[in-house]
Amino acid sequence: MLANTPQARTVLERFPAGHPRGSWPADEYAAAQGAQGTDAHVVMDLASDQFLAVANTTPQ
């Protein structure tokens, strides 16, 4: 059985959800980070109404 442990994340950059291009700037940033070797992806933070480019981090 797998433990349901939340994964730690590091917020790399924040982008306003009201941007005219929507999540594209966040997606482009995450893709650029991926090209540099950082496994980044975009999530929506509903509480702050922002798109976040995040990377998974290893808990210490």
PDB file of N, CA and C in Angstrom:
ATOM      1  N   MET A   1       0.839  -1.177   0.000  1.00  0.00           N
ATOM      2  CA  MET A   1       0.000   0.000   0.000  1.00  0.00           C
ATOM      3  C   MET A   1       0.887   1.245   0.000  1.00  0.00           C
ATOM      4  N   LEU A   2       0.526   2.231  -0.819  1.00  0.00           N
ATOM      5  CA  LEU A   2       1.287   3.466  -0.922  1.00  0.00           C
ATOM      6  C   LEU A   2       0.799   4.478   0.105  1.00  0.00           C
ATOM      7  N   ALA A   3       1.742   5.189   0.678  1.00  0.00           N
ATOM      8  CA  ALA A   3       1.387   6.245   1.626  1.00  0.00           C
ATOM      9  C   ALA A   3       0.926   7.473   0.848  1.00  0.00           C
ATOM     10  N   ASN A   4      -0.076   8.149   1.346  1.00  0.00           N
ATOM     11  CA  ASN A   4      -0.582   9.351   0.707  1.00  0.00           C
ATOM     12  C   ASN A   4       0.111  10.559   1.329  1.00  0.00           C
ATOM     13  N   THR A   5       1.370  10.756   0.967  1.00  0.00           N
ATOM     14  CA  THR A   5       2.180  11.826   1.514  1.00  0.00           C
ATOM     15  C   THR A   5       2.250  12.973   0.517  1.00  0.00           C
ATOM     16  N   PRO A   6       1.924  14.198   0.935  1.00  0.00           N
ATOM     17  CA  PRO A   6       2.020  15.313  -0.006  1.00  0.00           C
ATOM     18  C   PRO A   6       3.468  15.552  -0.414  1.00  0.00           C
ATOM     19  N   GLN A   7       3.655  15.885  -1.671  1.00  0.00           N
ATOM     20  CA  GLN A   7       4.991  16.133  -2.192  1.00  0.00           C
ATOM     21  C   GLN A   7       5.360  17.595  -1.969  1.00  0.00           C
ATOM     22  N   ALA A   8       6.585  17.819  -1.539  1.00  0.00           N
ATOM     23  CA  ALA A   8       7.053  19.186  -1.328  1.00  0.00           C
ATOM     24  C   ALA A   8       7.312  19.837  -2.681  1.00  0.00           C
ATOM     25  N   ARG A   9       6.960  21.100  -2.797  1.00  0.00           N
ATOM     26  CA  ARG A   9       7.157  21.847  -4.038  1.00  0.00           C
ATOM     27  C   ARG A   9       7.820  23.175  -3.743  1.00  0.00           C
ATOM     28  N   THR A  10       8.573  23.637  -4.709  1.00  0.00           N
ATOM     29  CA  THR A  10       9.177  24.951  -4.640  1.00  0.00           C
ATOM     30  C   THR A  10       8.543  25.813  -5.713  1.00  0.00           C
ATOM     31  N   VAL A  11       8.038  26.980  -5.329  1.00  0.00           N
ATOM     32  CA  VAL A  11       7.463  27.908  -6.297  1.00  0.00           C
ATOM     33  C   VAL A  11       8.616  28.651  -6.957  1.00  0.00           C
ATOM     34  N   LEU A  12       8.729  28.502  -8.273  1.00  0.00           N
ATOM     35  CA  LEU A  12       9.796  29.157  -9.018  1.00  0.00           C
ATOM     36  C   LEU A  12       9.407  30.567  -9.458  1.00  0.00           C
ATOM     37  N   GLU A  13       8.130  30.730  -9.835  1.00  0.00           N
ATOM     38  CA  GLU A  13       7.652  32.028 -10.322  1.00  0.00           C
ATOM     39  C   GLU A  13       6.133  32.064 -10.237  1.00  0.00           C
ATOM     40  N   ARG A  14       5.571  33.261 -10.109  1.00  0.00           N
ATOM     41  CA  ARG A  14       4.120  33.456 -10.024  1.00  0.00           C
ATOM     42  C   ARG A  14       3.665  34.320 -11.201  1.00  0.00           C
ATOM     43  N   PHE A  15       2.472  33.994 -11.727  1.00  0.00           N
ATOM     44  CA  PHE A  15       1.918  34.720 -12.853  1.00  0.00           C
ATOM     45  C   PHE A  15       0.450  35.007 -12.571  1.00  0.00           C
ATOM     46  N   PRO A  16      -0.028  36.245 -12.793  1.00  0.00           N
ATOM     47  CA  PRO A  16      -1.424  36.572 -12.509  1.00  0.00           C
ATOM     48  C   PRO A  16      -2.374  35.806 -13.432  1.00  0.00           C
ATOM     49  N   ALA A  17      -3.447  35.297 -12.870  1.00  0.00           N
ATOM     50  CA  ALA A  17      -4.422  34.547 -13.664  1.00  0.00           C
ATOM     51  C   ALA A  17      -5.175  35.459 -14.622  1.00  0.00           C
ATOM     52  N   GLY A  18      -5.214  36.736 -14.345  1.00  0.00           N
ATOM     53  CA  GLY A  18      -5.918  37.680 -15.200  1.00  0.00           C
ATOM     54  C   GLY A  18      -5.122  38.138 -16.405  1.00  0.00           C
ATOM     55  N   HIS A  19      -3.965  37.557 -16.641  1.00  0.00           N
ATOM     56  CA  HIS A  19      -3.139  37.942 -17.784  1.00  0.00           C
ATOM     57  C   HIS A  19      -3.912  37.688 -19.075  1.00  0.00           C
ATOM     58  N   PRO A  20      -3.812  38.579 -20.062  1.00  0.00           N
ATOM     59  CA  PRO A  20      -4.552  38.404 -21.310  1.00  0.00           C
ATOM     60  C   PRO A  20      -4.240  37.081 -22.035  1.00  0.00           C
ATOM     61  N   ARG A  21      -3.073  36.542 -21.818  1.00  0.00           N
ATOM     62  CA  ARG A  21      -2.697  35.288 -22.466  1.00  0.00           C
ATOM     63  C   ARG A  21      -2.954  34.082 -21.571  1.00  0.00           C
ATOM     64  N   GLY A  22      -3.634  34.284 -20.452  1.00  0.00           N
ATOM     65  CA  GLY A  22      -3.956  33.175 -19.558  1.00  0.00           C
ATOM     66  C   GLY A  22      -2.714  32.546 -18.953  1.00  0.00           C
ATOM     67  N   SER A  23      -2.619  31.225 -19.032  1.00  0.00           N
ATOM     68  CA  SER A  23      -1.502  30.509 -18.408  1.00  0.00           C
ATOM     69  C   SER A  23      -0.280  30.411 -19.320  1.00  0.00           C
ATOM     70  N   TRP A  24      -0.356  30.942 -20.539  1.00  0.00           N
ATOM     71  CA  TRP A  24       0.773  30.803 -21.469  1.00  0.00           C
ATOM     72  C   TRP A  24       2.102  31.287 -20.905  1.00  0.00           C
ATOM     73  N   PRO A  25       2.177  32.467 -20.277  1.00  0.00           N
ATOM     74  CA  PRO A  25       3.477  32.892 -19.742  1.00  0.00           C
ATOM     75  C   PRO A  25       4.030  31.891 -18.716  1.00  0.00           C
ATOM     76  N   ALA A  26       3.164  31.346 -17.890  1.00  0.00           N
ATOM     77  CA  ALA A  26       3.604  30.357 -16.897  1.00  0.00           C
ATOM     78  C   ALA A  26       4.066  29.078 -17.595  1.00  0.00           C
ATOM     79  N   ASP A  27       3.302  28.644 -18.609  1.00  0.00           N
ATOM     80  CA  ASP A  27       3.688  27.445 -19.364  1.00  0.00           C
ATOM     81  C   ASP A  27       5.017  27.637 -20.082  1.00  0.00           C
ATOM     82  N   GLU A  28       5.215  28.810 -20.661  1.00  0.00           N
ATOM     83  CA  GLU A  28       6.471  29.106 -21.350  1.00  0.00           C
ATOM     84  C   GLU A  28       7.641  29.117 -20.367  1.00  0.00           C
ATOM     85  N   TYR A  29       7.425  29.694 -19.192  1.00  0.00           N
ATOM     86  CA  TYR A  29       8.473  29.726 -18.172  1.00  0.00           C
ATOM     87  C   TYR A  29       8.823  28.306 -17.725  1.00  0.00           C
ATOM     88  N   ALA A  30       7.810  27.489 -17.468  1.00  0.00           N
ATOM     89  CA  ALA A  30       8.052  26.105 -17.039  1.00  0.00           C
ATOM     90  C   ALA A  30       8.799  25.328 -18.120  1.00  0.00           C
ATOM     91  N   ALA A  31       8.452  25.546 -19.389  1.00  0.00           N
ATOM     92  CA  ALA A  31       9.145  24.874 -20.491  1.00  0.00           C
ATOM     93  C   ALA A  31      10.605  25.314 -20.559  1.00  0.00           C
ATOM     94  N   ALA A  32      10.855  26.601 -20.349  1.00  0.00           N
ATOM     95  CA  ALA A  32      12.235  27.099 -20.354  1.00  0.00           C
ATOM     96  C   ALA A  32      13.038  26.489 -19.205  1.00  0.00           C
ATOM     97  N   GLN A  33      12.403  26.349 -18.042  1.00  0.00           N
ATOM     98  CA  GLN A  33      13.084  25.715 -16.912  1.00  0.00           C
ATOM     99  C   GLN A  33      13.385  24.254 -17.236  1.00  0.00           C
ATOM    100  N   GLY A  34      12.439  23.586 -17.900  1.00  0.00           N
ATOM    101  CA  GLY A  34      12.643  22.198 -18.301  1.00  0.00           C
ATOM    102  C   GLY A  34      13.811  22.059 -19.258  1.00  0.00           C
ATOM    103  N   ALA A  35      13.966  23.024 -20.160  1.00  0.00           N
ATOM    104  CA  ALA A  35      15.086  23.003 -21.105  1.00  0.00           C
ATOM    105  C   ALA A  35      16.425  23.174 -20.386  1.00  0.00           C
ATOM    106  N   GLN A  36      16.393  23.774 -19.191  1.00  0.00           N
ATOM    107  CA  GLN A  36      17.608  23.968 -18.397  1.00  0.00           C
ATOM    108  C   GLN A  36      17.815  22.853 -17.376  1.00  0.00           C
ATOM    109  N   GLY A  37      16.924  21.839 -17.407  1.00  0.00           N
ATOM    110  CA  GLY A  37      17.123  20.689 -16.532  1.00  0.00           C
ATOM    111  C   GLY A  37      16.286  20.657 -15.271  1.00  0.00           C
ATOM    112  N   THR A  38      15.445  21.661 -15.046  1.00  0.00           N
ATOM    113  CA  THR A  38      14.571  21.681 -13.877  1.00  0.00           C
ATOM    114  C   THR A  38      13.204  21.163 -14.283  1.00  0.00           C
ATOM    115  N   ASP A  39      12.726  20.136 -13.608  1.00  0.00           N
ATOM    116  CA  ASP A  39      11.419  19.563 -13.917  1.00  0.00           C
ATOM    117  C   ASP A  39      10.331  20.449 -13.319  1.00  0.00           C
ATOM    118  N   ALA A  40       9.853  21.416 -14.102  1.00  0.00           N
ATOM    119  CA  ALA A  40       8.866  22.378 -13.634  1.00  0.00           C
ATOM    120  C   ALA A  40       7.534  22.138 -14.329  1.00  0.00           C
ATOM    121  N   HIS A  41       6.453  22.466 -13.626  1.00  0.00           N
ATOM    122  CA  HIS A  41       5.130  22.398 -14.217  1.00  0.00           C
ATOM    123  C   HIS A  41       4.275  23.519 -13.620  1.00  0.00           C
ATOM    124  N   VAL A  42       3.101  23.731 -14.184  1.00  0.00           N
ATOM    125  CA  VAL A  42       2.232  24.840 -13.793  1.00  0.00           C
ATOM    126  C   VAL A  42       1.032  24.311 -13.019  1.00  0.00           C
ATOM    127  N   VAL A  43       0.731  24.985 -11.922  1.00  0.00           N
ATOM    128  CA  VAL A  43      -0.471  24.694 -11.142  1.00  0.00           C
ATOM    129  C   VAL A  43      -1.212  26.012 -10.919  1.00  0.00           C
ATOM    130  N   MET A  44      -2.488  25.909 -10.624  1.00  0.00           N
ATOM    131  CA  MET A  44      -3.296  27.094 -10.332  1.00  0.00           C
ATOM    132  C   MET A  44      -3.487  27.197  -8.828  1.00  0.00           C
ATOM    133  N   ASP A  45      -3.160  28.349  -8.277  1.00  0.00           N
ATOM    134  CA  ASP A  45      -3.406  28.620  -6.860  1.00  0.00           C
ATOM    135  C   ASP A  45      -4.682  29.454  -6.782  1.00  0.00           C
ATOM    136  N   LEU A  46      -5.787  28.802  -6.444  1.00  0.00           N
ATOM    137  CA  LEU A  46      -7.079  29.485  -6.416  1.00  0.00           C
ATOM    138  C   LEU A  46      -7.139  30.573  -5.352  1.00  0.00           C
ATOM    139  N   ALA A  47      -6.491  30.347  -4.224  1.00  0.00           N
ATOM    140  CA  ALA A  47      -6.540  31.320  -3.124  1.00  0.00           C
ATOM    141  C   ALA A  47      -5.935  32.664  -3.527  1.00  0.00           C
ATOM    142  N   SER A  48      -4.846  32.637  -4.302  1.00  0.00           N
ATOM    143  CA  SER A  48      -4.193  33.886  -4.703  1.00  0.00           C
ATOM    144  C   SER A  48      -4.533  34.291  -6.132  1.00  0.00           C
ATOM    145  N   ASP A  49      -5.310  33.457  -6.852  1.00  0.00           N
ATOM    146  CA  ASP A  49      -5.692  33.705  -8.242  1.00  0.00           C
ATOM    147  C   ASP A  49      -4.448  33.901  -9.112  1.00  0.00           C
ATOM    148  N   GLN A  50      -3.509  32.950  -8.983  1.00  0.00           N
ATOM    149  CA  GLN A  50      -2.270  32.998  -9.743  1.00  0.00           C
ATOM    150  C   GLN A  50      -1.938  31.626 -10.298  1.00  0.00           C
ATOM    151  N   PHE A  51      -1.233  31.639 -11.430  1.00  0.00           N
ATOM    152  CA  PHE A  51      -0.612  30.420 -11.931  1.00  0.00           C
ATOM    153  C   PHE A  51       0.786  30.358 -11.332  1.00  0.00           C
ATOM    154  N   LEU A  52       1.168  29.197 -10.843  1.00  0.00           N
ATOM    155  CA  LEU A  52       2.491  29.032 -10.237  1.00  0.00           C
ATOM    156  C   LEU A  52       3.309  28.045 -11.061  1.00  0.00           C
ATOM    157  N   ALA A  53       4.526  28.418 -11.383  1.00  0.00           N
ATOM    158  CA  ALA A  53       5.476  27.475 -11.966  1.00  0.00           C
ATOM    159  C   ALA A  53       6.197  26.855 -10.784  1.00  0.00           C
ATOM    160  N   VAL A  54       6.053  25.544 -10.626  1.00  0.00           N
ATOM    161  CA  VAL A  54       6.613  24.856  -9.464  1.00  0.00           C
ATOM    162  C   VAL A  54       7.510  23.712  -9.889  1.00  0.00           C
ATOM    163  N   ALA A  55       8.406  23.366  -8.990  1.00  0.00           N
ATOM    164  CA  ALA A  55       9.281  22.201  -9.162  1.00  0.00           C
ATOM    165  C   ALA A  55       9.148  21.345  -7.918  1.00  0.00           C
ATOM    166  N   ASN A  56       9.102  20.045  -8.111  1.00  0.00           N
ATOM    167  CA  ASN A  56       9.071  19.126  -6.971  1.00  0.00           C
ATOM    168  C   ASN A  56      10.417  19.140  -6.284  1.00  0.00           C
ATOM    169  N   THR A  57      10.404  19.129  -4.966  1.00  0.00           N
ATOM    170  CA  THR A  57      11.639  19.110  -4.195  1.00  0.00           C
ATOM    171  C   THR A  57      11.664  17.875  -3.320  1.00  0.00           C
ATOM    172  N   THR A  58      12.840  17.444  -2.967  1.00  0.00           N
ATOM    173  CA  THR A  58      13.019  16.268  -2.105  1.00  0.00           C
ATOM    174  C   THR A  58      13.003  16.711  -0.655  1.00  0.00           C
ATOM    175  N   PRO A  59      12.074  16.185   0.160  1.00  0.00           N
ATOM    176  CA  PRO A  59      12.062  16.545   1.583  1.00  0.00           C
ATOM    177  C   PRO A  59      13.345  16.092   2.263  1.00  0.00           C
ATOM    178  N   GLN A  60      13.820  16.913   3.184  1.00  0.00           N
ATOM    179  CA  GLN A  60      15.071  16.571   3.892  1.00  0.00           C
ATOM    180  C   GLN A  60      14.809  16.233   5.323  1.00  0.00           C
TER     181      GLN A  60
END
